[in-house]
């Protein structure tokens, strides 16, 4: 292991970086090979990719789970990931709310996660997600409510590479909106 401090990188970076990450930054062995990454931030982004809602808000009017545009991350075969989705949302002028889910594009993956956020303008709730492509209970059940949703957990991919996605639905007529800037980030841990 090589310390970041030994390479002139200081601050609150907590001491050590793995040899793999260090090799991405380059090294002092006299190699003429250019580093793949120029900063620890680039290494973190390589190891923990993020996906964002961008360009325009993601909306749905369907009563079936659908992928939130932009919130997709590719996963390797037989990988274990920890993930976090932070969603800023709006529901239309009704009291039916929005439901959420996690999906993998290839059959056979599994997930265990917690979905937390605003239930009404005065209360919050937290529910477990233990199956892919399965809707949660409704969140944001006050009319025209805005609120934040946090989904975090662990995902296990199958023997085939695929895409991890966050989903939403509107339980009855109306529109569910996920705002630009909402994101999904995943880190492979095994």
C-alpha atoms as a PDB file:
ATOM      1  CA  UNK A   1       0.000   0.000   0.000  1.00  0.00           C
ATOM      2  CA  UNK A   2       1.184   3.500  -0.774  1.00  0.00           C
ATOM      3  CA  UNK A   3      -0.009   6.471   1.227  1.00  0.00           C
ATOM      4  CA  UNK A   4      -1.480   9.421  -0.589  1.00  0.00           C
ATOM      5  CA  UNK A   5       0.558  11.720   1.641  1.00  0.00           C
ATOM      6  CA  UNK A   6       3.775  10.170   0.271  1.00  0.00           C
ATOM      7  CA  UNK A   7       2.700  11.242  -3.200  1.00  0.00           C
ATOM      8  CA  UNK A   8       1.949  14.834  -2.221  1.00  0.00           C
ATOM      9  CA  UNK A   9      -1.791  14.332  -1.803  1.00  0.00           C
ATOM     10  CA  UNK A  10      -2.903  15.666   1.549  1.00  0.00           C
ATOM     11  CA  UNK A  11      -6.127  16.685   3.256  1.00  0.00           C
ATOM     12  CA  UNK A  12      -8.728  14.446   4.829  1.00  0.00           C
ATOM     13  CA  UNK A  13      -8.230  11.480   2.489  1.00  0.00           C
ATOM     14  CA  UNK A  14      -7.673   9.014   5.336  1.00  0.00           C
ATOM     15  CA  UNK A  15      -4.275   7.608   4.682  1.00  0.00           C
ATOM     16  CA  UNK A  16      -4.203   4.758   2.197  1.00  0.00           C
ATOM     17  CA  UNK A  17      -5.334   3.940  -1.281  1.00  0.00           C
ATOM     18  CA  UNK A  18      -5.328   0.442  -2.741  1.00  0.00           C
ATOM     19  CA  UNK A  19      -2.568  -0.524  -5.146  1.00  0.00           C
ATOM     20  CA  UNK A  20      -5.149  -0.769  -7.940  1.00  0.00           C
ATOM     21  CA  UNK A  21      -6.338   2.787  -7.354  1.00  0.00           C
ATOM     22  CA  UNK A  22      -2.739   3.961  -6.937  1.00  0.00           C
ATOM     23  CA  UNK A  23      -1.800   2.477 -10.304  1.00  0.00           C
ATOM     24  CA  UNK A  24      -4.689   4.394 -11.892  1.00  0.00           C
ATOM     25  CA  UNK A  25      -3.173   7.607 -10.543  1.00  0.00           C
ATOM     26  CA  UNK A  26       0.282   6.746 -11.874  1.00  0.00           C
ATOM     27  CA  UNK A  27       3.304   5.949  -9.756  1.00  0.00           C
ATOM     28  CA  UNK A  28       6.856   6.943  -9.017  1.00  0.00           C
ATOM     29  CA  UNK A  29       8.556   3.785 -10.375  1.00  0.00           C
ATOM     30  CA  UNK A  30       9.903   5.560 -13.436  1.00  0.00           C
ATOM     31  CA  UNK A  31       7.207   4.205 -15.731  1.00  0.00           C
ATOM     32  CA  UNK A  32       6.584   6.326 -18.804  1.00  0.00           C
ATOM     33  CA  UNK A  33       2.989   5.144 -19.040  1.00  0.00           C
ATOM     34  CA  UNK A  34       0.503   7.957 -18.549  1.00  0.00           C
ATOM     35  CA  UNK A  35      -1.783   7.571 -15.527  1.00  0.00           C
ATOM     36  CA  UNK A  36      -5.366   6.571 -16.303  1.00  0.00           C
ATOM     37  CA  UNK A  37      -6.663   9.072 -13.743  1.00  0.00           C
ATOM     38  CA  UNK A  38      -5.254  12.422 -12.681  1.00  0.00           C
ATOM     39  CA  UNK A  39      -6.943  12.737  -9.295  1.00  0.00           C
ATOM     40  CA  UNK A  40      -8.415  10.715  -6.491  1.00  0.00           C
ATOM     41  CA  UNK A  41     -11.818  12.111  -7.529  1.00  0.00           C
ATOM     42  CA  UNK A  42     -11.446  10.450 -10.939  1.00  0.00           C
ATOM     43  CA  UNK A  43     -10.518   7.157  -9.241  1.00  0.00           C
ATOM     44  CA  UNK A  44     -13.602   7.345  -7.009  1.00  0.00           C
ATOM     45  CA  UNK A  45     -15.771   8.064 -10.052  1.00  0.00           C
ATOM     46  CA  UNK A  46     -14.274   5.052 -11.865  1.00  0.00           C
ATOM     47  CA  UNK A  47     -14.925   2.778  -8.905  1.00  0.00           C
ATOM     48  CA  UNK A  48     -18.364   4.239  -8.008  1.00  0.00           C
ATOM     49  CA  UNK A  49     -20.139   5.292 -11.181  1.00  0.00           C
ATOM     50  CA  UNK A  50     -23.070   7.680 -10.890  1.00  0.00           C
ATOM     51  CA  UNK A  51     -26.052   8.279 -13.153  1.00  0.00           C
ATOM     52  CA  UNK A  52     -28.222  11.393 -13.131  1.00  0.00           C
ATOM     53  CA  UNK A  53     -31.589  12.627 -14.317  1.00  0.00           C
ATOM     54  CA  UNK A  54     -30.463  15.335 -16.732  1.00  0.00           C
ATOM     55  CA  UNK A  55     -31.753  17.379 -19.628  1.00  0.00           C
ATOM     56  CA  UNK A  56     -35.356  17.274 -18.455  1.00  0.00           C
ATOM     57  CA  UNK A  57     -37.319  15.920 -15.532  1.00  0.00           C
ATOM     58  CA  UNK A  58     -38.325  12.243 -15.694  1.00  0.00           C
ATOM     59  CA  UNK A  59     -42.106  11.759 -15.647  1.00  0.00           C
ATOM     60  CA  UNK A  60     -44.545   8.878 -15.773  1.00  0.00           C
ATOM     61  CA  UNK A  61     -48.301   8.458 -15.851  1.00  0.00           C
ATOM     62  CA  UNK A  62     -48.257   4.653 -15.977  1.00  0.00           C
ATOM     63  CA  UNK A  63     -49.510   2.310 -13.275  1.00  0.00           C
ATOM     64  CA  UNK A  64     -46.659  -0.152 -13.969  1.00  0.00           C
ATOM     65  CA  UNK A  65     -43.070   0.281 -12.850  1.00  0.00           C
ATOM     66  CA  UNK A  66     -40.943   1.995 -15.506  1.00  0.00           C
ATOM     67  CA  UNK A  67     -37.286   2.993 -15.498  1.00  0.00           C
ATOM     68  CA  UNK A  68     -36.484   6.532 -14.414  1.00  0.00           C
ATOM     69  CA  UNK A  69     -34.721   8.033 -17.440  1.00  0.00           C
ATOM     70  CA  UNK A  70     -31.034   8.496 -16.683  1.00  0.00           C
ATOM     71  CA  UNK A  71     -30.884   6.342 -13.539  1.00  0.00           C
ATOM     72  CA  UNK A  72     -29.153   3.292 -15.016  1.00  0.00           C
ATOM     73  CA  UNK A  73     -25.725   1.894 -14.102  1.00  0.00           C
ATOM     74  CA  UNK A  74     -24.010  -1.025 -15.869  1.00  0.00           C
ATOM     75  CA  UNK A  75     -22.994  -3.930 -13.603  1.00  0.00           C
ATOM     76  CA  UNK A  76     -20.558  -6.773 -14.199  1.00  0.00           C
ATOM     77  CA  UNK A  77     -21.552 -10.427 -13.991  1.00  0.00           C
ATOM     78  CA  UNK A  78     -21.451 -11.983 -10.510  1.00  0.00           C
ATOM     79  CA  UNK A  79     -20.918  -8.668  -8.742  1.00  0.00           C
ATOM     80  CA  UNK A  80     -22.047  -7.330  -5.389  1.00  0.00           C
ATOM     81  CA  UNK A  81     -22.846  -3.623  -5.236  1.00  0.00           C
ATOM     82  CA  UNK A  82     -23.919  -1.154  -2.595  1.00  0.00           C
ATOM     83  CA  UNK A  83     -26.046   1.579  -4.111  1.00  0.00           C
ATOM     84  CA  UNK A  84     -27.771   4.825  -3.231  1.00  0.00           C
ATOM     85  CA  UNK A  85     -30.473   6.675  -5.140  1.00  0.00           C
ATOM     86  CA  UNK A  86     -31.419  10.193  -4.105  1.00  0.00           C
ATOM     87  CA  UNK A  87     -34.622  11.349  -5.771  1.00  0.00           C
ATOM     88  CA  UNK A  88     -36.294  14.760  -5.648  1.00  0.00           C
ATOM     89  CA  UNK A  89     -39.922  14.214  -6.632  1.00  0.00           C
ATOM     90  CA  UNK A  90     -43.324  15.791  -7.256  1.00  0.00           C
ATOM     91  CA  UNK A  91     -46.714  14.116  -7.423  1.00  0.00           C
ATOM     92  CA  UNK A  92     -49.754  15.539  -9.196  1.00  0.00           C
ATOM     93  CA  UNK A  93     -52.783  17.035  -7.444  1.00  0.00           C
ATOM     94  CA  UNK A  94     -54.155  13.792  -5.974  1.00  0.00           C
ATOM     95  CA  UNK A  95     -53.556  11.722  -2.840  1.00  0.00           C
ATOM     96  CA  UNK A  96     -52.319   8.506  -4.486  1.00  0.00           C
ATOM     97  CA  UNK A  97     -48.608   9.292  -4.311  1.00  0.00           C
ATOM     98  CA  UNK A  98     -45.688   7.641  -6.110  1.00  0.00           C
ATOM     99  CA  UNK A  99     -44.247   4.125  -5.771  1.00  0.00           C
ATOM    100  CA  UNK A 100     -40.651   3.056  -6.425  1.00  0.00           C
ATOM    101  CA  UNK A 101     -38.706  -0.071  -7.324  1.00  0.00           C
ATOM    102  CA  UNK A 102     -35.277  -1.431  -8.242  1.00  0.00           C
ATOM    103  CA  UNK A 103     -34.691  -3.494 -11.386  1.00  0.00           C
ATOM    104  CA  UNK A 104     -31.904  -5.390 -13.159  1.00  0.00           C
ATOM    105  CA  UNK A 105     -32.038  -5.856 -16.912  1.00  0.00           C
ATOM    106  CA  UNK A 106     -31.130  -9.564 -16.688  1.00  0.00           C
ATOM    107  CA  UNK A 107     -33.237 -12.164 -14.867  1.00  0.00           C
ATOM    108  CA  UNK A 108     -31.875 -13.630 -11.650  1.00  0.00           C
ATOM    109  CA  UNK A 109     -30.325 -10.747  -9.717  1.00  0.00           C
ATOM    110  CA  UNK A 110     -31.409  -9.911  -6.186  1.00  0.00           C
ATOM    111  CA  UNK A 111     -31.705  -6.828  -4.004  1.00  0.00           C
ATOM    112  CA  UNK A 112     -32.193  -5.866  -0.388  1.00  0.00           C
ATOM    113  CA  UNK A 113     -32.719  -2.148   0.173  1.00  0.00           C
ATOM    114  CA  UNK A 114     -34.448   0.482   2.260  1.00  0.00           C
ATOM    115  CA  UNK A 115     -36.649   3.148   0.685  1.00  0.00           C
ATOM    116  CA  UNK A 116     -37.258   6.173   2.911  1.00  0.00           C
ATOM    117  CA  UNK A 117     -38.966   9.500   2.396  1.00  0.00           C
ATOM    118  CA  UNK A 118     -42.006  11.692   2.806  1.00  0.00           C
ATOM    119  CA  UNK A 119     -45.347   9.934   3.227  1.00  0.00           C
ATOM    120  CA  UNK A 120     -47.364  13.134   3.677  1.00  0.00           C
ATOM    121  CA  UNK A 121     -46.313  16.715   4.225  1.00  0.00           C
ATOM    122  CA  UNK A 122     -46.164  15.948   7.976  1.00  0.00           C
ATOM    123  CA  UNK A 123     -44.932  12.332   8.184  1.00  0.00           C
ATOM    124  CA  UNK A 124     -42.250  10.073   6.761  1.00  0.00           C
ATOM    125  CA  UNK A 125     -42.006   6.343   6.178  1.00  0.00           C
ATOM    126  CA  UNK A 126     -39.382   3.727   5.473  1.00  0.00           C
ATOM    127  CA  UNK A 127     -40.038   0.402   3.722  1.00  0.00           C
ATOM    128  CA  UNK A 128     -37.928  -2.580   2.724  1.00  0.00           C
ATOM    129  CA  UNK A 129     -37.329  -3.595  -0.896  1.00  0.00           C
ATOM    130  CA  UNK A 130     -36.550  -7.308  -1.086  1.00  0.00           C
ATOM    131  CA  UNK A 131     -37.452  -8.152  -4.689  1.00  0.00           C
ATOM    132  CA  UNK A 132     -36.572  -6.696  -8.062  1.00  0.00           C
ATOM    133  CA  UNK A 133     -39.282  -5.079 -10.175  1.00  0.00           C
ATOM    134  CA  UNK A 134     -41.636  -4.860  -7.179  1.00  0.00           C
ATOM    135  CA  UNK A 135     -43.308  -1.580  -6.212  1.00  0.00           C
ATOM    136  CA  UNK A 136     -43.031  -0.107  -2.724  1.00  0.00           C
ATOM    137  CA  UNK A 137     -45.925   1.321  -0.773  1.00  0.00           C
ATOM    138  CA  UNK A 138     -46.904   4.835  -1.896  1.00  0.00           C
ATOM    139  CA  UNK A 139     -44.866   7.870  -0.877  1.00  0.00           C
ATOM    140  CA  UNK A 140     -45.894  11.554  -1.091  1.00  0.00           C
ATOM    141  CA  UNK A 141     -49.627  11.027  -0.653  1.00  0.00           C
ATOM    142  CA  UNK A 142     -50.546  14.683  -0.085  1.00  0.00           C
ATOM    143  CA  UNK A 143     -51.914  16.513  -3.107  1.00  0.00           C
ATOM    144  CA  UNK A 144     -49.218  18.106  -5.322  1.00  0.00           C
ATOM    145  CA  UNK A 145     -46.560  17.150  -2.776  1.00  0.00           C
ATOM    146  CA  UNK A 146     -42.833  17.520  -3.333  1.00  0.00           C
ATOM    147  CA  UNK A 147     -40.325  15.519  -1.365  1.00  0.00           C
ATOM    148  CA  UNK A 148     -37.137  13.542  -1.241  1.00  0.00           C
ATOM    149  CA  UNK A 149     -36.702   9.787  -1.482  1.00  0.00           C
ATOM    150  CA  UNK A 150     -33.590   7.844  -0.468  1.00  0.00           C
ATOM    151  CA  UNK A 151     -33.176   4.261  -1.663  1.00  0.00           C
ATOM    152  CA  UNK A 152     -30.045   2.507  -0.446  1.00  0.00           C
ATOM    153  CA  UNK A 153     -29.092  -1.116  -0.277  1.00  0.00           C
ATOM    154  CA  UNK A 154     -27.163  -4.022  -1.725  1.00  0.00           C
ATOM    155  CA  UNK A 155     -27.583  -5.542  -5.155  1.00  0.00           C
ATOM    156  CA  UNK A 156     -26.272  -8.907  -6.370  1.00  0.00           C
ATOM    157  CA  UNK A 157     -25.920  -9.393 -10.138  1.00  0.00           C
ATOM    158  CA  UNK A 158     -26.334 -12.702 -11.964  1.00  0.00           C
ATOM    159  CA  UNK A 159     -23.877 -14.624 -14.107  1.00  0.00           C
ATOM    160  CA  UNK A 160     -24.641 -12.143 -16.885  1.00  0.00           C
ATOM    161  CA  UNK A 161     -23.711  -8.467 -16.944  1.00  0.00           C
ATOM    162  CA  UNK A 162     -26.654  -6.059 -17.067  1.00  0.00           C
ATOM    163  CA  UNK A 163     -28.009  -2.701 -15.903  1.00  0.00           C
ATOM    164  CA  UNK A 164     -29.190  -1.667 -12.449  1.00  0.00           C
ATOM    165  CA  UNK A 165     -32.064   0.822 -12.679  1.00  0.00           C
ATOM    166  CA  UNK A 166     -34.381   2.734 -10.365  1.00  0.00           C
ATOM    167  CA  UNK A 167     -38.073   2.678 -11.269  1.00  0.00           C
ATOM    168  CA  UNK A 168     -41.279   4.542 -10.418  1.00  0.00           C
ATOM    169  CA  UNK A 169     -45.001   4.433 -11.064  1.00  0.00           C
ATOM    170  CA  UNK A 170     -48.135   6.477 -10.452  1.00  0.00           C
ATOM    171  CA  UNK A 171     -50.664   4.159  -8.729  1.00  0.00           C
ATOM    172  CA  UNK A 172     -53.673   5.824 -10.392  1.00  0.00           C
ATOM    173  CA  UNK A 173     -54.242   8.630 -12.887  1.00  0.00           C
ATOM    174  CA  UNK A 174     -51.903  11.571 -12.573  1.00  0.00           C
ATOM    175  CA  UNK A 175     -48.214  12.300 -13.068  1.00  0.00           C
ATOM    176  CA  UNK A 176     -45.126  11.389 -11.044  1.00  0.00           C
ATOM    177  CA  UNK A 177     -42.048  13.553 -11.600  1.00  0.00           C
ATOM    178  CA  UNK A 178     -38.411  12.966 -10.648  1.00  0.00           C
ATOM    179  CA  UNK A 179     -36.418  16.178 -10.963  1.00  0.00           C
ATOM    180  CA  UNK A 180     -33.162  16.858 -12.799  1.00  0.00           C
ATOM    181  CA  UNK A 181     -30.231  16.280 -10.435  1.00  0.00           C
ATOM    182  CA  UNK A 182     -31.662  13.133  -8.859  1.00  0.00           C
ATOM    183  CA  UNK A 183     -29.002  10.441  -8.970  1.00  0.00           C
ATOM    184  CA  UNK A 184     -28.065   6.778  -8.619  1.00  0.00           C
ATOM    185  CA  UNK A 185     -24.591   5.749  -7.477  1.00  0.00           C
ATOM    186  CA  UNK A 186     -23.286   2.200  -7.104  1.00  0.00           C
ATOM    187  CA  UNK A 187     -20.012   0.812  -5.780  1.00  0.00           C
ATOM    188  CA  UNK A 188     -18.880  -2.738  -6.483  1.00  0.00           C
ATOM    189  CA  UNK A 189     -17.738  -4.333  -3.248  1.00  0.00           C
ATOM    190  CA  UNK A 190     -17.248  -7.947  -4.393  1.00  0.00           C
END
